[in-house]
């Protein structure tokens, strides 16, 4: 084996890095041109080669970009002398904050789906505060047309009539926990039909049973189909994490099957 071949085996080419991190070769060339991530080595033929340190820096760049940072901001962050652990803590805080924010929106959509099957007369002002620009007055009418004659709708109407403002606040706080847990499991690579994912789906079902109506696993699976068939719900989950809508649906279906 030549020295050049040995170096190539130890280092990564532009193409290998692009495939590993899911970025384009053109992007890597741009980062090189602006001095953001410059490959430290060259092969004898003159090809760019990335060291382990280069790859670590590039991984930070990729994460910061996905968090919405501009390239200029990333360059400043990476030049502040922080070590890898400091960058990872900073990225974790940013991701957690974003998850909390988006999970709140998921919870709002989930509560709307549940509220559509009960008689809680939330005001328009409350709806606008809950949904912001996504508020759509057609939701309630659509839900009544779909579920108005069901036993679940009637049961939910009876149970929620006496709920206080504090109880609705408790419902809001509890409803986001299963979604956050499923997002964490998805990020960790846990299969949707794993015990952990199915348990999180079961927690979501129990939340419905506890506060609104008896929701058998089969009914829960039918509701979960909306997460992948209704673009409004799909987008909400996808904004939390790419692939989460399908993952939640699959976890709920798997939980229904294990009964």
Protein backbone atom coordinates (compact mmCIF):
# COMPACT_ATOMS: atom_id res chain seq x y z
CA UNK A 1 0.00 0.00 0.00
CA UNK A 2 1.37 3.39 -0.93
CA UNK A 3 1.59 6.31 1.51
CA UNK A 4 -1.09 8.07 -0.53
CA UNK A 5 -3.44 5.10 -0.19
CA UNK A 6 -2.76 4.88 3.53
CA UNK A 7 -3.58 8.59 3.97
CA UNK A 8 -6.79 8.20 1.97
CA UNK A 9 -7.83 5.26 4.19
CA UNK A 10 -7.27 7.33 7.34
CA UNK A 11 -8.89 10.52 6.05
CA UNK A 12 -12.17 11.26 4.31
CA UNK A 13 -12.68 12.62 0.82
CA UNK A 14 -15.24 15.30 -0.03
CA UNK A 15 -17.60 12.67 -1.39
CA UNK A 16 -17.32 10.50 1.71
CA UNK A 17 -17.98 13.45 4.00
CA UNK A 18 -20.96 14.56 1.92
CA UNK A 19 -22.49 11.08 2.15
CA UNK A 20 -21.75 10.73 5.87
CA UNK A 21 -23.30 14.05 6.93
CA UNK A 22 -26.01 14.34 4.30
CA UNK A 23 -24.72 17.54 2.71
CA UNK A 24 -23.83 18.25 -0.90
CA UNK A 25 -20.35 18.38 -2.34
CA UNK A 26 -21.15 21.89 -3.54
CA UNK A 27 -21.90 22.92 0.05
CA UNK A 28 -18.60 21.52 1.25
CA UNK A 29 -16.76 23.42 -1.47
CA UNK A 30 -18.55 26.62 -0.44
CA UNK A 31 -17.59 26.13 3.22
CA UNK A 32 -14.01 25.64 2.05
CA UNK A 33 -14.07 28.80 -0.09
CA UNK A 34 -15.35 31.01 2.73
CA UNK A 35 -12.98 29.49 5.28
CA UNK A 36 -15.70 27.99 7.47
CA UNK A 37 -14.52 24.38 7.19
CA UNK A 38 -11.25 23.98 5.31
CA UNK A 39 -9.94 20.42 4.79
CA UNK A 40 -6.61 20.14 6.56
CA UNK A 41 -5.00 17.66 4.19
CA UNK A 42 -4.54 17.03 0.50
CA UNK A 43 -3.78 13.81 -1.28
CA UNK A 44 -0.75 13.62 -3.57
CA UNK A 45 -3.17 14.11 -6.42
CA UNK A 46 -4.39 17.34 -4.82
CA UNK A 47 -7.78 16.13 -3.59
CA UNK A 48 -9.22 17.61 -0.40
CA UNK A 49 -9.07 15.29 2.63
CA UNK A 50 -10.85 15.85 5.92
CA UNK A 51 -9.29 14.97 9.26
CA UNK A 52 -11.24 13.89 12.33
CA UNK A 53 -10.99 17.46 13.68
CA UNK A 54 -12.32 18.82 10.36
CA UNK A 55 -15.25 16.41 10.53
CA UNK A 56 -16.03 17.43 14.11
CA UNK A 57 -16.07 21.12 13.11
CA UNK A 58 -18.27 20.33 10.13
CA UNK A 59 -20.71 18.42 12.32
CA UNK A 60 -21.12 21.51 14.46
CA UNK A 61 -21.73 23.61 11.35
CA UNK A 62 -24.42 21.19 10.12
CA UNK A 63 -26.23 21.23 13.47
CA UNK A 64 -26.09 25.02 13.77
CA UNK A 65 -27.40 25.39 10.20
CA UNK A 66 -30.32 23.10 10.99
CA UNK A 67 -31.06 25.27 14.00
CA UNK A 68 -31.34 28.27 11.69
CA UNK A 69 -28.04 30.04 12.35
CA UNK A 70 -26.51 32.10 9.53
CA UNK A 71 -23.06 31.14 8.30
CA UNK A 72 -21.60 34.34 9.73
CA UNK A 73 -23.04 33.53 13.16
CA UNK A 74 -21.69 29.98 12.98
CA UNK A 75 -18.22 31.27 12.13
CA UNK A 76 -18.31 33.49 15.24
CA UNK A 77 -19.54 30.62 17.42
CA UNK A 78 -16.78 28.34 16.22
CA UNK A 79 -14.12 31.00 16.74
CA UNK A 80 -15.02 31.75 20.36
CA UNK A 81 -12.66 29.13 21.73
CA UNK A 82 -15.40 26.86 23.07
CA UNK A 83 -14.58 23.17 23.25
CA UNK A 84 -16.66 20.36 21.76
CA UNK A 85 -18.60 19.78 24.98
CA UNK A 86 -19.52 23.47 25.17
CA UNK A 87 -20.81 23.44 21.60
CA UNK A 88 -22.82 20.29 22.25
CA UNK A 89 -24.38 21.80 25.37
CA UNK A 90 -25.26 24.95 23.43
CA UNK A 91 -26.79 22.91 20.61
CA UNK A 92 -28.73 20.75 23.05
CA UNK A 93 -30.19 23.83 24.73
CA UNK A 94 -31.22 25.26 21.35
CA UNK A 95 -32.79 21.99 20.22
CA UNK A 96 -34.60 21.54 23.54
CA UNK A 97 -35.99 25.07 23.38
CA UNK A 98 -37.22 24.47 19.85
CA UNK A 99 -38.74 21.12 20.82
CA UNK A 100 -40.57 22.73 23.73
CA UNK A 101 -41.93 25.46 21.46
CA UNK A 102 -43.03 23.11 18.71
CA UNK A 103 -44.34 20.51 21.15
CA UNK A 104 -46.60 23.22 22.51
CA UNK A 105 -48.07 23.61 19.03
CA UNK A 106 -48.46 19.83 18.71
CA UNK A 107 -50.28 19.82 22.04
CA UNK A 108 -52.52 22.63 20.84
CA UNK A 109 -53.45 20.68 17.71
CA UNK A 110 -54.04 17.51 19.74
CA UNK A 111 -56.22 19.40 22.18
CA UNK A 112 -58.16 20.87 19.28
CA UNK A 113 -58.76 17.37 17.93
CA UNK A 114 -60.00 16.30 21.35
CA UNK A 115 -61.97 19.49 21.89
CA UNK A 116 -63.70 19.01 18.57
CA UNK A 117 -65.35 15.97 20.15
CA UNK A 118 -66.68 17.80 23.20
CA UNK A 119 -68.80 20.84 24.02
CA UNK A 120 -66.12 23.04 25.56
CA UNK A 121 -66.94 26.43 24.11
CA UNK A 122 -63.53 27.97 23.80
CA UNK A 123 -63.76 31.61 22.76
CA UNK A 124 -62.43 32.93 19.49
CA UNK A 125 -59.87 34.96 21.39
CA UNK A 126 -58.65 31.81 23.16
CA UNK A 127 -58.51 29.98 19.87
CA UNK A 128 -56.43 32.72 18.28
CA UNK A 129 -54.11 32.74 21.30
CA UNK A 130 -53.80 28.96 21.07
CA UNK A 131 -53.19 28.64 17.33
CA UNK A 132 -51.93 32.07 16.29
CA UNK A 133 -51.86 32.39 12.51
CA UNK A 134 -52.96 28.76 12.10
CA UNK A 135 -56.38 29.39 13.67
CA UNK A 136 -59.19 28.15 11.44
CA UNK A 137 -62.83 28.44 12.54
CA UNK A 138 -63.80 25.62 10.19
CA UNK A 139 -62.18 23.01 12.48
CA UNK A 140 -65.10 22.78 14.90
CA UNK A 141 -67.70 22.52 12.15
CA UNK A 142 -65.68 19.85 10.37
CA UNK A 143 -65.30 17.86 13.61
CA UNK A 144 -69.00 17.98 14.41
CA UNK A 145 -69.84 16.78 10.92
CA UNK A 146 -67.39 13.89 11.34
CA UNK A 147 -68.02 12.81 14.95
CA UNK A 148 -71.13 14.66 16.17
CA UNK A 149 -73.27 11.51 16.37
CA UNK A 150 -70.74 9.26 18.09
CA UNK A 151 -70.86 8.02 21.68
CA UNK A 152 -67.36 9.39 22.23
CA UNK A 153 -68.52 12.89 21.32
CA UNK A 154 -71.46 12.66 23.74
CA UNK A 155 -69.30 11.24 26.53
CA UNK A 156 -66.74 13.99 26.09
CA UNK A 157 -69.48 16.61 26.21
CA UNK A 158 -70.72 15.26 29.55
CA UNK A 159 -67.27 15.01 31.12
CA UNK A 160 -65.87 18.39 30.11
CA UNK A 161 -68.84 20.54 31.09
CA UNK A 162 -67.55 20.86 34.65
CA UNK A 163 -63.85 21.37 33.89
CA UNK A 164 -62.32 24.44 35.45
CA UNK A 165 -59.72 26.71 33.90
CA UNK A 166 -57.12 25.03 36.11
CA UNK A 167 -58.10 21.61 34.80
CA UNK A 168 -57.78 22.77 31.21
CA UNK A 169 -54.33 24.09 32.09
CA UNK A 170 -53.43 20.68 33.52
CA UNK A 171 -54.67 19.00 30.33
CA UNK A 172 -52.47 21.34 28.32
CA UNK A 173 -49.39 20.56 30.39
CA UNK A 174 -49.91 16.79 30.32
CA UNK A 175 -50.75 16.43 26.64
CA UNK A 176 -47.33 17.38 25.29
CA UNK A 177 -45.30 14.85 27.30
CA UNK A 178 -45.97 11.77 25.10
CA UNK A 179 -45.17 13.73 21.95
CA UNK A 180 -41.86 14.94 23.35
CA UNK A 181 -41.00 11.39 24.43
CA UNK A 182 -41.76 10.02 20.97
CA UNK A 183 -39.63 12.76 19.37
CA UNK A 184 -36.73 11.77 21.64
CA UNK A 185 -37.16 8.08 20.77
CA UNK A 186 -37.25 8.89 17.05
CA UNK A 187 -34.04 10.91 17.37
CA UNK A 188 -32.41 8.03 19.24
CA UNK A 189 -33.27 5.60 16.44
CA UNK A 190 -35.71 3.58 18.53
CA UNK A 191 -38.13 1.61 16.32
CA UNK A 192 -41.76 2.75 16.37
CA UNK A 193 -42.84 -0.73 17.47
CA UNK A 194 -40.39 -0.84 20.38
CA UNK A 195 -41.70 -1.15 23.92
CA UNK A 196 -40.63 2.40 24.74
CA UNK A 197 -42.42 3.91 21.73
CA UNK A 198 -45.56 1.86 22.30
CA UNK A 199 -45.57 2.86 25.98
CA UNK A 200 -45.42 6.54 24.97
CA UNK A 201 -48.30 5.97 22.55
CA UNK A 202 -50.22 4.28 25.35
CA UNK A 203 -49.62 7.33 27.57
CA UNK A 204 -51.17 9.49 24.85
CA UNK A 205 -54.19 7.18 24.68
CA UNK A 206 -54.58 7.17 28.45
CA UNK A 207 -54.56 10.98 28.40
CA UNK A 208 -57.60 10.92 26.12
CA UNK A 209 -59.32 8.29 28.29
CA UNK A 210 -58.59 10.21 31.48
CA UNK A 211 -59.88 13.58 30.33
CA UNK A 212 -62.27 13.13 27.42
CA UNK A 213 -63.73 9.77 26.44
CA UNK A 214 -63.10 6.04 26.48
CA UNK A 215 -60.64 5.54 23.65
CA UNK A 216 -59.97 1.87 22.83
CA UNK A 217 -56.67 1.15 21.12
CA UNK A 218 -58.38 0.56 17.79
CA UNK A 219 -60.08 3.96 17.98
CA UNK A 220 -56.76 5.55 18.90
CA UNK A 221 -55.17 3.96 15.83
CA UNK A 222 -57.94 5.40 13.65
CA UNK A 223 -57.36 8.87 15.09
CA UNK A 224 -53.61 8.52 14.50
CA UNK A 225 -54.25 8.05 10.79
CA UNK A 226 -55.08 11.78 10.72
CA UNK A 227 -51.44 12.50 11.55
CA UNK A 228 -50.39 11.18 8.14
CA UNK A 229 -53.52 11.86 6.07
CA UNK A 230 -54.41 15.39 7.19
CA UNK A 231 -51.69 17.85 6.09
CA UNK A 232 -52.47 20.17 9.00
CA UNK A 233 -51.63 17.56 11.61
CA UNK A 234 -48.76 16.12 9.56
CA UNK A 235 -47.04 19.51 9.32
CA UNK A 236 -47.36 20.07 13.05
CA UNK A 237 -45.52 16.85 13.85
CA UNK A 238 -42.99 17.33 11.05
CA UNK A 239 -42.14 20.77 12.42
CA UNK A 240 -41.08 19.08 15.66
CA UNK A 241 -38.96 16.46 13.89
CA UNK A 242 -38.85 15.16 10.32
CA UNK A 243 -40.63 11.82 10.17
CA UNK A 244 -42.40 12.28 13.52
CA UNK A 245 -45.95 12.18 12.10
CA UNK A 246 -45.39 8.74 10.59
CA UNK A 247 -43.48 7.61 13.67
CA UNK A 248 -46.31 8.58 16.06
CA UNK A 249 -48.86 6.94 13.81
CA UNK A 250 -46.82 3.74 13.62
CA UNK A 251 -46.27 3.68 17.39
CA UNK A 252 -50.00 4.05 18.03
CA UNK A 253 -50.84 1.31 15.51
CA UNK A 254 -48.19 -0.97 17.05
CA UNK A 255 -49.59 -0.30 20.50
CA UNK A 256 -53.07 -1.20 19.26
CA UNK A 257 -51.77 -4.43 17.77
CA UNK A 258 -50.03 -5.61 20.94
CA UNK A 259 -53.33 -5.69 22.86
